[in-house]
Amino acid sequence: MAAEQAPEKVTLDDLYRYLAEEKKAREEATKEWNEKMAESRKEWNEKIAESRKEWDKKMGDLGNRLGDVVEYTFVPDAVMRKFAELGYEIETAARDYTITGADRHSIAEVDILLQDGDTVILVEIKTKLTKAHIDEHVQRMQKVRDTKRFEGKSLIGAAAGAVVSGETKAYALQQGMYVLEQTGEAIQIMPRDRSFVPRKW
């Protein structure tokens, strides 16, 4: 009968070496895992960024089309009729009117310009009208007032929108501007009270 082989002795150095090899193997595995995860995250982020870019483009295109639809709802003829209800006799109307200064550079662009003798009404149109838009229009009115093109004319401001909050309406009226609002297929002008005295620039 063969003699049993004695078990191999494990020294403390062997144990340290084994632990060091195990640690190194774990570190390498962790490093490889992290690299794979970083690569996956990078690919994922690139896909998300690409999807977001496509989404933003589609939404931008949709917003532009919606803006066009709103602007074409407030056609000069329809707006003229609303001001006629208030007693204005509109002689001329222009859409997307560019106002230039003495040097022929653009001073302002107006969505709709209406003229009743010495009275000129400048209408700004937005999909969703806000107080900030009213402030911008007030500044636009002042720029136009400073041009020679409308010297001797009374300038009146009006703002139109498919969506107009009660707060925005009240703010526009405080600024002395008329407000035109889309209600279904119709357009409503506020105030309808002819006693309203608009601000004249």
Protein backbone atom coordinates (compact mmCIF):
# COMPACT_ATOMS: atom_id res chain seq x y z
CA MET A 1 0.00 0.00 0.00
CA ALA A 2 1.40 3.35 -1.07
CA ALA A 3 2.23 5.76 1.63
CA GLU A 4 -0.08 8.75 1.91
CA GLN A 5 1.42 11.99 0.59
CA ALA A 6 1.74 14.62 3.24
CA PRO A 7 -0.34 17.80 2.58
CA GLU A 8 1.63 20.67 1.16
CA LYS A 9 2.46 23.23 3.77
CA VAL A 10 1.06 26.75 3.21
CA THR A 11 3.25 29.48 4.49
CA LEU A 12 2.27 32.99 5.50
CA ASP A 13 4.02 34.28 2.36
CA ASP A 14 1.88 31.96 0.24
CA LEU A 15 -1.23 33.36 1.88
CA TYR A 16 -0.15 36.98 1.29
CA ARG A 17 0.68 36.15 -2.33
CA TYR A 18 -2.71 34.53 -2.83
CA LEU A 19 -4.53 37.51 -1.32
CA ALA A 20 -2.49 39.91 -3.47
CA GLU A 21 -3.37 37.94 -6.63
CA GLU A 22 -7.02 37.87 -5.64
CA LYS A 23 -6.97 41.64 -5.02
CA LYS A 24 -5.31 42.26 -8.37
CA ALA A 25 -7.84 40.02 -10.16
CA ARG A 26 -10.74 41.88 -8.47
CA GLU A 27 -9.25 45.28 -9.39
CA GLU A 28 -8.82 44.22 -13.03
CA ALA A 29 -12.36 42.85 -13.15
CA THR A 30 -13.70 46.07 -11.57
CA LYS A 31 -11.70 48.21 -14.00
CA GLU A 32 -13.01 46.23 -16.97
CA TRP A 33 -16.57 46.49 -15.63
CA ASN A 34 -16.26 50.26 -15.11
CA GLU A 35 -14.87 50.72 -18.63
CA LYS A 36 -17.77 48.76 -20.10
CA MET A 37 -20.27 50.74 -18.01
CA ALA A 38 -18.65 54.06 -19.02
CA GLU A 39 -18.83 53.04 -22.67
CA SER A 40 -22.46 52.01 -22.27
CA ARG A 41 -23.29 55.29 -20.51
CA LYS A 42 -21.56 57.25 -23.26
CA GLU A 43 -23.53 55.42 -25.97
CA TRP A 44 -26.74 55.87 -23.99
CA ASN A 45 -26.11 59.61 -23.47
CA GLU A 46 -25.35 60.04 -27.17
CA LYS A 47 -28.62 58.31 -28.07
CA ILE A 48 -30.54 60.48 -25.60
CA ALA A 49 -28.87 63.65 -26.94
CA GLU A 50 -29.71 62.63 -30.51
CA SER A 51 -33.31 61.84 -29.58
CA ARG A 52 -33.64 65.16 -27.72
CA LYS A 53 -32.24 67.03 -30.72
CA GLU A 54 -34.76 65.35 -33.04
CA TRP A 55 -37.57 66.07 -30.54
CA ASP A 56 -36.56 69.75 -30.20
CA LYS A 57 -36.48 70.10 -34.00
CA LYS A 58 -39.93 68.52 -34.35
CA MET A 59 -41.33 70.70 -31.57
CA GLY A 60 -39.69 73.79 -33.10
CA ASP A 61 -41.23 72.98 -36.48
CA LEU A 62 -44.59 72.39 -34.83
CA GLY A 63 -44.28 75.67 -32.90
CA ASN A 64 -43.48 77.55 -36.10
CA ARG A 65 -46.45 75.99 -37.89
CA LEU A 66 -48.72 76.78 -34.93
CA GLY A 67 -47.45 80.37 -34.93
CA ASP A 68 -48.20 80.62 -38.64
CA VAL A 69 -51.72 79.29 -38.08
CA VAL A 70 -52.32 81.85 -35.32
CA GLU A 71 -50.99 84.71 -37.46
CA TYR A 72 -53.20 83.69 -40.37
CA THR A 73 -56.20 83.59 -38.03
CA PHE A 74 -55.65 87.27 -37.31
CA VAL A 75 -55.69 88.33 -40.97
CA PRO A 76 -55.86 92.09 -41.57
CA ASP A 77 -59.46 91.90 -42.87
CA ALA A 78 -60.71 90.21 -39.69
CA VAL A 79 -58.80 92.64 -37.48
CA MET A 80 -60.05 95.61 -39.53
CA ARG A 81 -63.64 94.49 -38.98
CA LYS A 82 -63.11 94.39 -35.22
CA PHE A 83 -61.74 97.94 -35.16
CA ALA A 84 -64.57 99.05 -37.47
CA GLU A 85 -66.99 97.87 -34.77
CA LEU A 86 -65.35 100.43 -32.47
CA GLY A 87 -65.80 103.22 -35.01
CA TYR A 88 -62.43 103.21 -36.73
CA GLU A 89 -62.49 103.73 -40.49
CA ILE A 90 -59.50 101.76 -41.67
CA GLU A 91 -58.23 103.01 -45.01
CA THR A 92 -55.14 100.84 -45.41
CA ALA A 93 -53.88 97.61 -43.91
CA ALA A 94 -50.50 95.88 -44.18
CA ARG A 95 -49.17 92.58 -42.91
CA ASP A 96 -45.59 91.89 -41.73
CA TYR A 97 -44.76 95.57 -42.08
CA THR A 98 -41.12 96.65 -41.63
CA ILE A 99 -40.55 100.13 -40.27
CA THR A 100 -37.22 101.70 -41.18
CA GLY A 101 -35.33 104.69 -39.85
CA ALA A 102 -33.70 107.59 -41.70
CA ASP A 103 -30.77 105.33 -42.64
CA ARG A 104 -33.23 102.77 -44.08
CA HIS A 105 -32.27 100.20 -41.45
CA SER A 106 -35.08 98.21 -39.84
CA ILE A 107 -36.35 99.80 -36.63
CA ALA A 108 -39.21 97.40 -35.95
CA GLU A 109 -41.41 94.78 -37.55
CA VAL A 110 -45.14 94.86 -37.04
CA ASP A 111 -47.45 91.90 -37.66
CA ILE A 112 -50.35 94.09 -38.79
CA LEU A 113 -50.44 97.84 -39.44
CA LEU A 114 -53.78 99.61 -39.86
CA GLN A 115 -54.32 103.27 -40.72
CA ASP A 116 -57.36 105.45 -40.13
CA GLY A 117 -56.40 108.95 -41.32
CA ASP A 118 -53.86 110.26 -38.83
CA THR A 119 -54.35 107.24 -36.55
CA VAL A 120 -52.06 104.23 -37.01
CA ILE A 121 -52.73 100.98 -35.15
CA LEU A 122 -49.84 98.55 -34.68
CA VAL A 123 -50.90 94.98 -33.87
CA GLU A 124 -48.52 92.39 -32.39
CA ILE A 125 -49.61 88.73 -32.68
CA LYS A 126 -48.45 85.84 -30.47
CA THR A 127 -49.61 82.26 -30.03
CA LYS A 128 -49.65 82.69 -26.25
CA LEU A 129 -49.68 86.36 -25.33
CA THR A 130 -47.81 87.24 -22.12
CA LYS A 131 -47.05 90.35 -20.08
CA ALA A 132 -43.47 90.23 -21.43
CA HIS A 133 -44.87 90.49 -24.97
CA ILE A 134 -46.88 93.54 -23.92
CA ASP A 135 -43.72 95.18 -22.52
CA GLU A 136 -41.88 94.42 -25.79
CA HIS A 137 -44.72 95.98 -27.77
CA VAL A 138 -44.65 99.10 -25.59
CA GLN A 139 -40.93 99.45 -26.43
CA ARG A 140 -41.68 98.83 -30.11
CA MET A 141 -44.34 101.55 -30.06
CA GLN A 142 -41.80 104.01 -28.62
CA LYS A 143 -39.21 103.13 -31.29
CA VAL A 144 -41.80 103.67 -34.02
CA ARG A 145 -42.89 106.96 -32.41
CA ASP A 146 -39.32 108.23 -32.74
CA THR A 147 -39.25 107.73 -36.53
CA LYS A 148 -40.12 110.46 -39.03
CA ARG A 149 -42.29 108.00 -40.96
CA PHE A 150 -45.15 108.51 -38.48
CA GLU A 151 -44.50 112.10 -37.50
CA GLY A 152 -47.79 113.85 -36.82
CA LYS A 153 -49.66 110.53 -36.53
CA SER A 154 -51.35 109.11 -33.43
CA LEU A 155 -50.02 105.61 -32.74
CA ILE A 156 -52.22 103.07 -30.98
CA GLY A 157 -51.07 99.65 -29.80
CA ALA A 158 -52.95 96.36 -29.93
CA ALA A 159 -51.89 92.82 -29.01
CA ALA A 160 -53.46 89.58 -30.23
CA GLY A 161 -53.16 85.97 -29.16
CA ALA A 162 -54.75 82.56 -29.44
CA VAL A 163 -54.20 82.14 -25.69
CA VAL A 164 -54.53 85.22 -23.47
CA SER A 165 -54.81 84.94 -19.69
CA GLY A 166 -57.02 87.28 -17.70
CA GLU A 167 -53.91 88.74 -16.06
CA THR A 168 -52.31 89.50 -19.43
CA LYS A 169 -55.53 91.08 -20.72
CA ALA A 170 -55.74 93.33 -17.66
CA TYR A 171 -52.06 94.28 -18.03
CA ALA A 172 -52.46 95.17 -21.71
CA LEU A 173 -55.48 97.34 -20.94
CA GLN A 174 -53.51 99.08 -18.16
CA GLN A 175 -50.89 99.91 -20.80
CA GLY A 176 -53.65 101.45 -22.90
CA MET A 177 -53.65 98.73 -25.57
CA TYR A 178 -56.49 96.90 -27.24
CA VAL A 179 -56.49 93.10 -26.92
CA LEU A 180 -57.66 90.73 -29.66
CA GLU A 181 -58.32 87.14 -28.63
CA GLN A 182 -59.19 84.06 -30.65
CA THR A 183 -62.39 82.47 -29.35
CA GLY A 184 -63.13 79.35 -31.38
CA GLU A 185 -63.27 80.43 -35.00
CA ALA A 186 -64.06 84.05 -34.14
CA ILE A 187 -61.96 86.98 -32.96
CA GLN A 188 -62.99 89.10 -30.01
CA ILE A 189 -61.66 92.60 -29.29
CA MET A 190 -61.37 94.07 -25.82
CA PRO A 191 -62.55 96.33 -24.53
CA ARG A 192 -65.72 96.41 -26.59
CA ASP A 193 -66.77 99.49 -24.68
CA ARG A 194 -66.27 102.46 -27.00
CA SER A 195 -65.64 104.69 -24.00
CA PHE A 196 -62.18 103.11 -23.64
CA VAL A 197 -59.50 105.67 -24.48
CA PRO A 198 -56.40 103.94 -25.81
CA ARG A 199 -52.93 105.26 -25.10
CA LYS A 200 -51.55 107.34 -27.94
CA TRP A 201 -47.82 107.37 -28.62
